[in-house]
Each structure stands twice: as C-alpha cells, then as structure tokens.
C-alpha cells in the first residue's frame, strides 16, 4: 500500500472519528438537557395520588389475633412477632432466589421452623389453627372510620397483599371490609413478594394509571420503600411494633400516623 493511500485512509479515519465525536457532542448536550427537562416536567405534571393501595396483614387486619396460639405453644404471645418477622424475611429470600410458594404455606413452614428452634412440638392441629387464624383476623378498630374518610374525600381504594387469593374464604370479607374496595390484588399473580417492584407495577398496570397516581398505605416501611422506589407515594401507619426508618437515602413516607384516621386526615390535607 502506498504512502498516498495510507495517508488517505488515515485522513478518512480521522474525519470519521471526529464526526462521531462531534455527533456525540451535539447529541449529548441537548439530550441530557432534554432528559433533565423531561424529568423535571414529568415530576411537575405527575398526578397527585388518587388511589390508596392498602397492605392487608397488620395494616388493615390485626395479626395479634394469632397471639393466643403462640402463647399456648411457646409460652409467650410475643413469639407471633418473631414468626411474622421470619415470614417476611423468607418471603423476600424466596423472591430474590427464584422459587415460589404461597404466603400461607410459607407461614405454616415458619411455624414448624420455630418449633425446631424453640424445641416445641408442632402438630397438624396447630398448623390448622394457624391457617384458620390467618384467614379470620379481625380488622383494627380504627380501619372503618379511616376508610370512610378517604372514600368520602374521593380516593379510590384497593388492596395489595402478599396473601394468595382464596376462593372459599376471604380475610377481608370475614373482617367485613371487602365492600370498601373496588379491587384486590395478590402478589400471587406475579409470584414475587412485596417489596419486589413487579408487584407495584402490576397494580398500576391493572388500574391503567401511572405509579404516581397510587399511594401505598402500609404498616411496614419495607412496603412503602418498595412502592416509592417505583414512583408511588407512601403512607405509613405506625402501629405498635412499627416505626419510620430514618436512614438517609431511603424513601421516607410522605404521610405517617399511628392509625388510619390520622393517615386519612393528612392525605386529604395534602392531596385533596
């Protein structure tokens, strides 16, 4: 190859390279600014929450209803909190690692695991009692009044729970709450436990709204963190044994109160 050809090739390569750099420079600046503007615009134009998506277990229904079983088996009703904490831990382990089983089945397995840990024999009758109590938990006393406040203010109400749907026994129906909600969503549909992002996206897609139209109402910070991480708002009912998680860099609930009427009052003031 002659020097003339080499020089020609070199010049073409240089020009192409400069063209790519120039094009990148031209593209980068307006796209970057545009993306920023779009992001700022989307935040400014994002709808305020008009839909309350409620967690069910402990948020609406009182898990202390199960405490007598743990008092009988372990001699300490507070073991129900250990059981529930392990239930959440292993539901997340399952979601992160890939397999799947239902929340109720997992709960029964956790009870057997605690029996082994505490050297307590767990019988099939104990497992059946746990299942029955999980399906028949009563509503917290403050819930109907709070739901009425939100409904009267024009909020749409749905539920989003880790529990699987049961064609024969609905915990919400047993507690007398099912009539308040236009829809109930279970993680069983996506086979991922909260706070997996797929769960909250599913709710938004099923309701045909952006996540920003939804406020996740829960008694657990892990649930509000999950929802807020995909663009929802968060409301934390700080029931006994639950509190905000003051860690810089983590989403903090926009609304915090010890009961649902307190949550409703703040939400109405903020968004109505």
C-alpha atoms as a PDB file:
ATOM      1  CA  UNK A   1       0.000   0.000   0.000  1.00  0.00           C
ATOM      2  CA  UNK A   2       1.474   3.420  -1.000  1.00  0.00           C
ATOM      3  CA  UNK A   3       2.054   6.310   1.349  1.00  0.00           C
ATOM      4  CA  UNK A   4      -0.616   8.255  -0.552  1.00  0.00           C
ATOM      5  CA  UNK A   5      -3.193   5.522   0.079  1.00  0.00           C
ATOM      6  CA  UNK A   6      -2.161   5.237   3.732  1.00  0.00           C
ATOM      7  CA  UNK A   7      -2.481   8.997   4.149  1.00  0.00           C
ATOM      8  CA  UNK A   8      -5.872   8.916   2.504  1.00  0.00           C
ATOM      9  CA  UNK A   9      -7.059   6.108   4.772  1.00  0.00           C
ATOM     10  CA  UNK A  10      -5.678   7.920   7.792  1.00  0.00           C
ATOM     11  CA  UNK A  11      -7.456  11.135   6.839  1.00  0.00           C
ATOM     12  CA  UNK A  12     -10.738   9.294   6.313  1.00  0.00           C
ATOM     13  CA  UNK A  13     -10.386   7.522   9.678  1.00  0.00           C
ATOM     14  CA  UNK A  14      -9.621  10.789  11.392  1.00  0.00           C
ATOM     15  CA  UNK A  15     -12.592  12.545   9.791  1.00  0.00           C
ATOM     16  CA  UNK A  16     -14.915   9.678  10.673  1.00  0.00           C
ATOM     17  CA  UNK A  17     -13.623   9.720  14.230  1.00  0.00           C
ATOM     18  CA  UNK A  18     -14.102  13.462  14.507  1.00  0.00           C
ATOM     19  CA  UNK A  19     -17.563  13.116  13.043  1.00  0.00           C
ATOM     20  CA  UNK A  20     -18.534  10.539  15.632  1.00  0.00           C
ATOM     21  CA  UNK A  21     -17.153  12.676  18.443  1.00  0.00           C
ATOM     22  CA  UNK A  22     -18.854  15.766  17.090  1.00  0.00           C
ATOM     23  CA  UNK A  23     -22.130  13.961  16.638  1.00  0.00           C
ATOM     24  CA  UNK A  24     -21.828  12.613  20.160  1.00  0.00           C
ATOM     25  CA  UNK A  25     -21.145  16.080  21.494  1.00  0.00           C
ATOM     26  CA  UNK A  26     -24.041  17.582  19.608  1.00  0.00           C
ATOM     27  CA  UNK A  27     -26.346  14.775  20.700  1.00  0.00           C
ATOM     28  CA  UNK A  28     -25.215  14.568  24.310  1.00  0.00           C
ATOM     29  CA  UNK A  29     -25.899  18.121  25.326  1.00  0.00           C
ATOM     30  CA  UNK A  30     -29.455  18.576  24.087  1.00  0.00           C
ATOM     31  CA  UNK A  31     -30.461  15.018  25.033  1.00  0.00           C
ATOM     32  CA  UNK A  32     -29.031  15.450  28.504  1.00  0.00           C
ATOM     33  CA  UNK A  33     -30.814  18.767  28.939  1.00  0.00           C
ATOM     34  CA  UNK A  34     -33.951  17.374  27.384  1.00  0.00           C
ATOM     35  CA  UNK A  35     -33.902  14.363  29.649  1.00  0.00           C
ATOM     36  CA  UNK A  36     -33.484  16.638  32.639  1.00  0.00           C
ATOM     37  CA  UNK A  37     -36.255  18.893  31.455  1.00  0.00           C
ATOM     38  CA  UNK A  38     -38.494  15.925  30.739  1.00  0.00           C
ATOM     39  CA  UNK A  39     -37.746  14.504  34.176  1.00  0.00           C
ATOM     40  CA  UNK A  40     -38.498  17.806  35.853  1.00  0.00           C
ATOM     41  CA  UNK A  41     -41.582  18.247  33.719  1.00  0.00           C
ATOM     42  CA  UNK A  42     -42.823  14.752  34.472  1.00  0.00           C
ATOM     43  CA  UNK A  43     -42.436  15.414  38.191  1.00  0.00           C
ATOM     44  CA  UNK A  44     -44.292  18.699  37.876  1.00  0.00           C
ATOM     45  CA  UNK A  45     -47.029  17.138  35.742  1.00  0.00           C
ATOM     46  CA  UNK A  46     -47.256  13.846  37.640  1.00  0.00           C
ATOM     47  CA  UNK A  47     -50.727  13.292  39.055  1.00  0.00           C
ATOM     48  CA  UNK A  48     -51.172  13.560  42.791  1.00  0.00           C
ATOM     49  CA  UNK A  49     -52.238  10.241  44.342  1.00  0.00           C
ATOM     50  CA  UNK A  50     -55.908   9.479  43.804  1.00  0.00           C
ATOM     51  CA  UNK A  51     -55.747   5.751  44.613  1.00  0.00           C
ATOM     52  CA  UNK A  52     -54.940   4.230  48.008  1.00  0.00           C
ATOM     53  CA  UNK A  53     -53.458   0.738  47.726  1.00  0.00           C
ATOM     54  CA  UNK A  54     -53.659  -0.926  51.124  1.00  0.00           C
ATOM     55  CA  UNK A  55     -51.489  -3.645  52.512  1.00  0.00           C
ATOM     56  CA  UNK A  56     -53.720  -6.106  54.382  1.00  0.00           C
ATOM     57  CA  UNK A  57     -51.898  -8.125  57.056  1.00  0.00           C
ATOM     58  CA  UNK A  58     -51.271  -5.921  60.118  1.00  0.00           C
ATOM     59  CA  UNK A  59     -52.187  -2.759  58.186  1.00  0.00           C
ATOM     60  CA  UNK A  60     -55.935  -3.484  57.990  1.00  0.00           C
ATOM     61  CA  UNK A  61     -56.166  -6.783  59.876  1.00  0.00           C
ATOM     62  CA  UNK A  62     -54.865  -7.380  63.394  1.00  0.00           C
ATOM     63  CA  UNK A  63     -52.199 -10.102  63.480  1.00  0.00           C
ATOM     64  CA  UNK A  64     -52.359 -10.080  67.295  1.00  0.00           C
ATOM     65  CA  UNK A  65     -55.411 -12.304  66.772  1.00  0.00           C
ATOM     66  CA  UNK A  66     -52.885 -15.104  66.261  1.00  0.00           C
ATOM     67  CA  UNK A  67     -51.028 -14.411  69.514  1.00  0.00           C
ATOM     68  CA  UNK A  68     -53.028 -16.902  71.668  1.00  0.00           C
ATOM     69  CA  UNK A  69     -51.703 -19.757  69.506  1.00  0.00           C
ATOM     70  CA  UNK A  70     -48.121 -18.656  70.162  1.00  0.00           C
ATOM     71  CA  UNK A  71     -48.840 -18.168  73.858  1.00  0.00           C
ATOM     72  CA  UNK A  72     -50.107 -21.739  74.052  1.00  0.00           C
ATOM     73  CA  UNK A  73     -47.243 -23.239  72.050  1.00  0.00           C
ATOM     74  CA  UNK A  74     -44.268 -21.172  73.221  1.00  0.00           C
ATOM     75  CA  UNK A  75     -45.469 -19.657  76.487  1.00  0.00           C
ATOM     76  CA  UNK A  76     -45.012 -16.147  75.064  1.00  0.00           C
ATOM     77  CA  UNK A  77     -47.513 -14.342  72.857  1.00  0.00           C
ATOM     78  CA  UNK A  78     -44.714 -12.095  71.556  1.00  0.00           C
ATOM     79  CA  UNK A  79     -43.356 -15.007  69.516  1.00  0.00           C
ATOM     80  CA  UNK A  80     -46.026 -14.063  66.971  1.00  0.00           C
ATOM     81  CA  UNK A  81     -43.743 -11.117  66.128  1.00  0.00           C
ATOM     82  CA  UNK A  82     -40.785 -13.441  65.653  1.00  0.00           C
ATOM     83  CA  UNK A  83     -42.934 -15.612  63.398  1.00  0.00           C
ATOM     84  CA  UNK A  84     -44.113 -12.656  61.325  1.00  0.00           C
ATOM     85  CA  UNK A  85     -40.586 -11.239  61.015  1.00  0.00           C
ATOM     86  CA  UNK A  86     -39.282 -14.607  59.795  1.00  0.00           C
ATOM     87  CA  UNK A  87     -42.218 -14.839  57.389  1.00  0.00           C
ATOM     88  CA  UNK A  88     -41.248 -11.529  55.788  1.00  0.00           C
ATOM     89  CA  UNK A  89     -37.557 -12.475  55.776  1.00  0.00           C
ATOM     90  CA  UNK A  90     -38.104 -15.765  53.973  1.00  0.00           C
ATOM     91  CA  UNK A  91     -40.689 -14.366  51.569  1.00  0.00           C
ATOM     92  CA  UNK A  92     -38.002 -11.936  50.427  1.00  0.00           C
ATOM     93  CA  UNK A  93     -35.388 -14.701  50.297  1.00  0.00           C
ATOM     94  CA  UNK A  94     -37.702 -16.664  48.022  1.00  0.00           C
ATOM     95  CA  UNK A  95     -38.268 -13.685  45.731  1.00  0.00           C
ATOM     96  CA  UNK A  96     -34.550 -12.921  45.490  1.00  0.00           C
ATOM     97  CA  UNK A  97     -33.531 -16.509  44.841  1.00  0.00           C
ATOM     98  CA  UNK A  98     -36.223 -17.604  42.388  1.00  0.00           C
ATOM     99  CA  UNK A  99     -38.552 -20.315  43.771  1.00  0.00           C
ATOM    100  CA  UNK A 100     -42.114 -19.634  44.904  1.00  0.00           C
ATOM    101  CA  UNK A 101     -44.637 -20.823  47.448  1.00  0.00           C
ATOM    102  CA  UNK A 102     -47.681 -19.066  48.845  1.00  0.00           C
ATOM    103  CA  UNK A 103     -47.604 -16.812  51.892  1.00  0.00           C
ATOM    104  CA  UNK A 104     -49.894 -19.133  53.852  1.00  0.00           C
ATOM    105  CA  UNK A 105     -47.844 -22.229  53.039  1.00  0.00           C
ATOM    106  CA  UNK A 106     -44.674 -20.389  53.966  1.00  0.00           C
ATOM    107  CA  UNK A 107     -46.264 -19.227  57.226  1.00  0.00           C
ATOM    108  CA  UNK A 108     -47.040 -22.804  58.185  1.00  0.00           C
ATOM    109  CA  UNK A 109     -43.463 -23.847  57.428  1.00  0.00           C
ATOM    110  CA  UNK A 110     -42.114 -20.956  59.524  1.00  0.00           C
ATOM    111  CA  UNK A 111     -44.204 -22.164  62.472  1.00  0.00           C
ATOM    112  CA  UNK A 112     -42.615 -25.621  62.162  1.00  0.00           C
ATOM    113  CA  UNK A 113     -39.179 -23.998  61.903  1.00  0.00           C
ATOM    114  CA  UNK A 114     -39.789 -22.025  65.112  1.00  0.00           C
ATOM    115  CA  UNK A 115     -40.897 -25.243  66.769  1.00  0.00           C
ATOM    116  CA  UNK A 116     -37.496 -26.743  65.942  1.00  0.00           C
ATOM    117  CA  UNK A 117     -35.677 -23.617  67.136  1.00  0.00           C
ATOM    118  CA  UNK A 118     -37.564 -23.481  70.447  1.00  0.00           C
ATOM    119  CA  UNK A 119     -37.758 -27.264  70.885  1.00  0.00           C
ATOM    120  CA  UNK A 120     -41.572 -27.233  70.750  1.00  0.00           C
ATOM    121  CA  UNK A 121     -43.582 -29.980  69.057  1.00  0.00           C
ATOM    122  CA  UNK A 122     -45.898 -28.593  66.336  1.00  0.00           C
ATOM    123  CA  UNK A 123     -48.861 -30.795  65.451  1.00  0.00           C
ATOM    124  CA  UNK A 124     -51.114 -30.783  62.400  1.00  0.00           C
ATOM    125  CA  UNK A 125     -53.838 -29.349  64.626  1.00  0.00           C
ATOM    126  CA  UNK A 126     -51.539 -26.404  65.413  1.00  0.00           C
ATOM    127  CA  UNK A 127     -50.900 -25.861  61.706  1.00  0.00           C
ATOM    128  CA  UNK A 128     -54.641 -25.929  61.014  1.00  0.00           C
ATOM    129  CA  UNK A 129     -55.269 -23.419  63.813  1.00  0.00           C
ATOM    130  CA  UNK A 130     -52.639 -21.111  62.331  1.00  0.00           C
ATOM    131  CA  UNK A 131     -54.270 -21.374  58.905  1.00  0.00           C
ATOM    132  CA  UNK A 132     -57.700 -20.622  60.348  1.00  0.00           C
ATOM    133  CA  UNK A 133     -56.443 -17.643  62.305  1.00  0.00           C
ATOM    134  CA  UNK A 134     -54.604 -16.242  59.273  1.00  0.00           C
ATOM    135  CA  UNK A 135     -57.873 -16.341  57.328  1.00  0.00           C
ATOM    136  CA  UNK A 136     -60.088 -14.893  60.061  1.00  0.00           C
ATOM    137  CA  UNK A 137     -58.146 -11.970  61.526  1.00  0.00           C
ATOM    138  CA  UNK A 138     -60.401  -9.076  62.590  1.00  0.00           C
ATOM    139  CA  UNK A 139     -59.982  -5.534  61.331  1.00  0.00           C
ATOM    140  CA  UNK A 140     -58.245  -2.992  63.517  1.00  0.00           C
ATOM    141  CA  UNK A 141     -60.903  -0.887  65.248  1.00  0.00           C
ATOM    142  CA  UNK A 142     -59.787   2.335  63.532  1.00  0.00           C
ATOM    143  CA  UNK A 143     -59.990   0.990  59.981  1.00  0.00           C
ATOM    144  CA  UNK A 144     -63.662   1.524  59.010  1.00  0.00           C
ATOM    145  CA  UNK A 145     -63.610   5.191  60.073  1.00  0.00           C
ATOM    146  CA  UNK A 146     -60.388   5.843  58.137  1.00  0.00           C
ATOM    147  CA  UNK A 147     -61.669   4.124  55.015  1.00  0.00           C
ATOM    148  CA  UNK A 148     -64.849   6.216  55.169  1.00  0.00           C
ATOM    149  CA  UNK A 149     -62.805   9.431  55.404  1.00  0.00           C
ATOM    150  CA  UNK A 150     -60.801   8.514  52.329  1.00  0.00           C
ATOM    151  CA  UNK A 151     -63.801   7.298  50.361  1.00  0.00           C
ATOM    152  CA  UNK A 152     -65.803  10.433  51.178  1.00  0.00           C
ATOM    153  CA  UNK A 153     -62.854  12.552  50.033  1.00  0.00           C
ATOM    154  CA  UNK A 154     -62.904  10.866  46.607  1.00  0.00           C
ATOM    155  CA  UNK A 155     -59.977   8.465  46.883  1.00  0.00           C
ATOM    156  CA  UNK A 156     -60.266   5.124  45.115  1.00  0.00           C
ATOM    157  CA  UNK A 157     -59.483   2.201  47.419  1.00  0.00           C
ATOM    158  CA  UNK A 158     -57.801  -1.106  46.505  1.00  0.00           C
ATOM    159  CA  UNK A 159     -55.746  -3.688  48.377  1.00  0.00           C
ATOM    160  CA  UNK A 160     -52.381  -5.231  47.542  1.00  0.00           C
ATOM    161  CA  UNK A 161     -51.398  -8.199  49.679  1.00  0.00           C
ATOM    162  CA  UNK A 162     -48.792 -10.928  49.984  1.00  0.00           C
ATOM    163  CA  UNK A 163     -51.587 -13.379  50.773  1.00  0.00           C
ATOM    164  CA  UNK A 164     -52.875 -15.625  47.971  1.00  0.00           C
ATOM    165  CA  UNK A 165     -56.488 -15.370  46.793  1.00  0.00           C
ATOM    166  CA  UNK A 166     -58.759 -17.949  48.420  1.00  0.00           C
ATOM    167  CA  UNK A 167     -61.980 -18.804  46.558  1.00  0.00           C
ATOM    168  CA  UNK A 168     -63.561 -20.184  49.723  1.00  0.00           C
ATOM    169  CA  UNK A 169     -62.503 -17.758  52.443  1.00  0.00           C
ATOM    170  CA  UNK A 170     -61.621 -14.085  52.014  1.00  0.00           C
ATOM    171  CA  UNK A 171     -59.953 -12.489  55.069  1.00  0.00           C
ATOM    172  CA  UNK A 172     -61.270  -9.076  54.014  1.00  0.00           C
ATOM    173  CA  UNK A 173     -64.799 -10.412  53.672  1.00  0.00           C
ATOM    174  CA  UNK A 174     -64.597 -12.173  57.026  1.00  0.00           C
ATOM    175  CA  UNK A 175     -63.453  -8.888  58.598  1.00  0.00           C
ATOM    176  CA  UNK A 176     -66.341  -7.023  56.949  1.00  0.00           C
ATOM    177  CA  UNK A 177     -64.063  -4.800  54.865  1.00  0.00           C
ATOM    178  CA  UNK A 178     -64.386  -6.142  51.330  1.00  0.00           C
ATOM    179  CA  UNK A 179     -67.163  -3.708  50.408  1.00  0.00           C
ATOM    180  CA  UNK A 180     -64.844  -0.739  50.723  1.00  0.00           C
ATOM    181  CA  UNK A 181     -62.510  -1.795  47.908  1.00  0.00           C
ATOM    182  CA  UNK A 182     -63.032  -1.741  44.156  1.00  0.00           C
ATOM    183  CA  UNK A 183     -60.287  -4.336  43.570  1.00  0.00           C
ATOM    184  CA  UNK A 184     -57.972  -6.635  45.492  1.00  0.00           C
ATOM    185  CA  UNK A 185     -54.548  -7.601  44.116  1.00  0.00           C
ATOM    186  CA  UNK A 186     -52.395 -10.508  45.265  1.00  0.00           C
ATOM    187  CA  UNK A 187     -48.686 -10.955  44.644  1.00  0.00           C
ATOM    188  CA  UNK A 188     -49.609 -14.498  43.618  1.00  0.00           C
ATOM    189  CA  UNK A 189     -50.272 -13.109  40.133  1.00  0.00           C
ATOM    190  CA  UNK A 190     -46.616 -12.170  39.605  1.00  0.00           C
ATOM    191  CA  UNK A 191     -45.180 -14.759  42.035  1.00  0.00           C
ATOM    192  CA  UNK A 192     -42.976 -12.140  43.666  1.00  0.00           C
ATOM    193  CA  UNK A 193     -43.452 -10.959  47.234  1.00  0.00           C
ATOM    194  CA  UNK A 194     -43.541  -7.311  48.223  1.00  0.00           C
ATOM    195  CA  UNK A 195     -41.449  -5.183  48.062  1.00  0.00           C
ATOM    196  CA  UNK A 196     -40.479  -6.525  44.614  1.00  0.00           C
ATOM    197  CA  UNK A 197     -41.102  -3.784  42.001  1.00  0.00           C
ATOM    198  CA  UNK A 198     -43.137  -6.163  39.821  1.00  0.00           C
ATOM    199  CA  UNK A 199     -45.905  -6.104  42.424  1.00  0.00           C
ATOM    200  CA  UNK A 200     -46.451  -2.342  42.407  1.00  0.00           C
ATOM    201  CA  UNK A 201     -46.121  -2.142  38.627  1.00  0.00           C
ATOM    202  CA  UNK A 202     -48.783  -4.841  38.364  1.00  0.00           C
ATOM    203  CA  UNK A 203     -51.213  -2.769  40.421  1.00  0.00           C
ATOM    204  CA  UNK A 204     -50.585   0.347  38.318  1.00  0.00           C
ATOM    205  CA  UNK A 205     -50.959  -1.590  35.061  1.00  0.00           C
ATOM    206  CA  UNK A 206     -54.161  -3.292  36.175  1.00  0.00           C
ATOM    207  CA  UNK A 207     -55.651   0.069  37.172  1.00  0.00           C
ATOM    208  CA  UNK A 208     -54.306   1.688  33.974  1.00  0.00           C
ATOM    209  CA  UNK A 209     -52.638   4.538  35.858  1.00  0.00           C
ATOM    210  CA  UNK A 210     -49.029   5.652  36.371  1.00  0.00           C
ATOM    211  CA  UNK A 211     -47.453   4.657  39.711  1.00  0.00           C
ATOM    212  CA  UNK A 212     -47.548   8.311  40.770  1.00  0.00           C
ATOM    213  CA  UNK A 213     -51.356   8.069  40.958  1.00  0.00           C
ATOM    214  CA  UNK A 214     -51.043   5.490  43.763  1.00  0.00           C
ATOM    215  CA  UNK A 215     -50.240   5.871  47.440  1.00  0.00           C
ATOM    216  CA  UNK A 216     -49.221   2.649  49.179  1.00  0.00           C
ATOM    217  CA  UNK A 217     -50.708   2.571  52.677  1.00  0.00           C
ATOM    218  CA  UNK A 218     -48.934   0.075  54.914  1.00  0.00           C
ATOM    219  CA  UNK A 219     -47.823  -0.603  58.470  1.00  0.00           C
ATOM    220  CA  UNK A 220     -44.379  -1.655  57.209  1.00  0.00           C
ATOM    221  CA  UNK A 221     -41.561   0.561  55.977  1.00  0.00           C
ATOM    222  CA  UNK A 222     -40.300  -2.188  53.654  1.00  0.00           C
ATOM    223  CA  UNK A 223     -43.635  -1.933  51.810  1.00  0.00           C
ATOM    224  CA  UNK A 224     -43.613   1.856  51.463  1.00  0.00           C
ATOM    225  CA  UNK A 225     -39.945   1.769  50.360  1.00  0.00           C
ATOM    226  CA  UNK A 226     -40.822  -0.736  47.636  1.00  0.00           C
ATOM    227  CA  UNK A 227     -43.751   1.306  46.390  1.00  0.00           C
ATOM    228  CA  UNK A 228     -41.930   4.631  46.489  1.00  0.00           C
ATOM    229  CA  UNK A 229     -38.979   3.153  44.628  1.00  0.00           C
ATOM    230  CA  UNK A 230     -41.180   2.677  41.533  1.00  0.00           C
ATOM    231  CA  UNK A 231     -42.823   6.114  41.755  1.00  0.00           C
ATOM    232  CA  UNK A 232     -45.741   5.651  44.139  1.00  0.00           C
ATOM    233  CA  UNK A 233     -46.274   7.718  47.264  1.00  0.00           C
ATOM    234  CA  UNK A 234     -46.095   6.117  50.703  1.00  0.00           C
ATOM    235  CA  UNK A 235     -48.200   6.363  53.853  1.00  0.00           C
ATOM    236  CA  UNK A 236     -47.004   4.578  56.992  1.00  0.00           C
ATOM    237  CA  UNK A 237     -49.441   3.528  59.703  1.00  0.00           C
ATOM    238  CA  UNK A 238     -47.040   3.275  62.628  1.00  0.00           C
ATOM    239  CA  UNK A 239     -48.934   0.619  64.532  1.00  0.00           C
ATOM    240  CA  UNK A 240     -47.356  -0.829  67.708  1.00  0.00           C
ATOM    241  CA  UNK A 241     -44.096  -2.530  66.754  1.00  0.00           C
ATOM    242  CA  UNK A 242     -43.686  -0.419  63.601  1.00  0.00           C
ATOM    243  CA  UNK A 243     -41.922   2.909  63.030  1.00  0.00           C
ATOM    244  CA  UNK A 244     -40.273   5.002  60.313  1.00  0.00           C
ATOM    245  CA  UNK A 245     -36.731   4.044  59.233  1.00  0.00           C
ATOM    246  CA  UNK A 246     -34.663   7.259  59.447  1.00  0.00           C
ATOM    247  CA  UNK A 247     -31.874   6.351  57.035  1.00  0.00           C
ATOM    248  CA  UNK A 248     -30.550   8.996  54.642  1.00  0.00           C
ATOM    249  CA  UNK A 249     -31.016   7.985  51.019  1.00  0.00           C
ATOM    250  CA  UNK A 250     -34.047   5.777  51.618  1.00  0.00           C
ATOM    251  CA  UNK A 251     -37.521   6.947  50.553  1.00  0.00           C
ATOM    252  CA  UNK A 252     -39.424   8.344  53.518  1.00  0.00           C
ATOM    253  CA  UNK A 253     -43.243   8.125  53.656  1.00  0.00           C
ATOM    254  CA  UNK A 254     -44.994  11.377  52.815  1.00  0.00           C
ATOM    255  CA  UNK A 255     -47.570  10.587  55.494  1.00  0.00           C
ATOM    256  CA  UNK A 256     -47.051   8.991  58.924  1.00  0.00           C
ATOM    257  CA  UNK A 257     -49.650   8.495  61.659  1.00  0.00           C
ATOM    258  CA  UNK A 258     -50.421   5.918  64.363  1.00  0.00           C
ATOM    259  CA  UNK A 259     -53.811   4.983  62.906  1.00  0.00           C
ATOM    260  CA  UNK A 260     -55.786   5.114  59.665  1.00  0.00           C
ATOM    261  CA  UNK A 261     -57.938   8.170  60.510  1.00  0.00           C
ATOM    262  CA  UNK A 262     -54.708  10.092  61.138  1.00  0.00           C
ATOM    263  CA  UNK A 263     -53.362   8.915  57.776  1.00  0.00           C
ATOM    264  CA  UNK A 264     -56.616   9.877  56.055  1.00  0.00           C
ATOM    265  CA  UNK A 265     -56.629  13.361  57.574  1.00  0.00           C
ATOM    266  CA  UNK A 266     -53.099  14.042  56.352  1.00  0.00           C
ATOM    267  CA  UNK A 267     -53.729  12.605  52.879  1.00  0.00           C
ATOM    268  CA  UNK A 268     -56.833  14.718  52.427  1.00  0.00           C
ATOM    269  CA  UNK A 269     -54.923  17.825  53.512  1.00  0.00           C
ATOM    270  CA  UNK A 270     -52.044  17.026  51.122  1.00  0.00           C
ATOM    271  CA  UNK A 271     -53.871  15.798  48.037  1.00  0.00           C
ATOM    272  CA  UNK A 272     -57.493  16.915  48.173  1.00  0.00           C
END
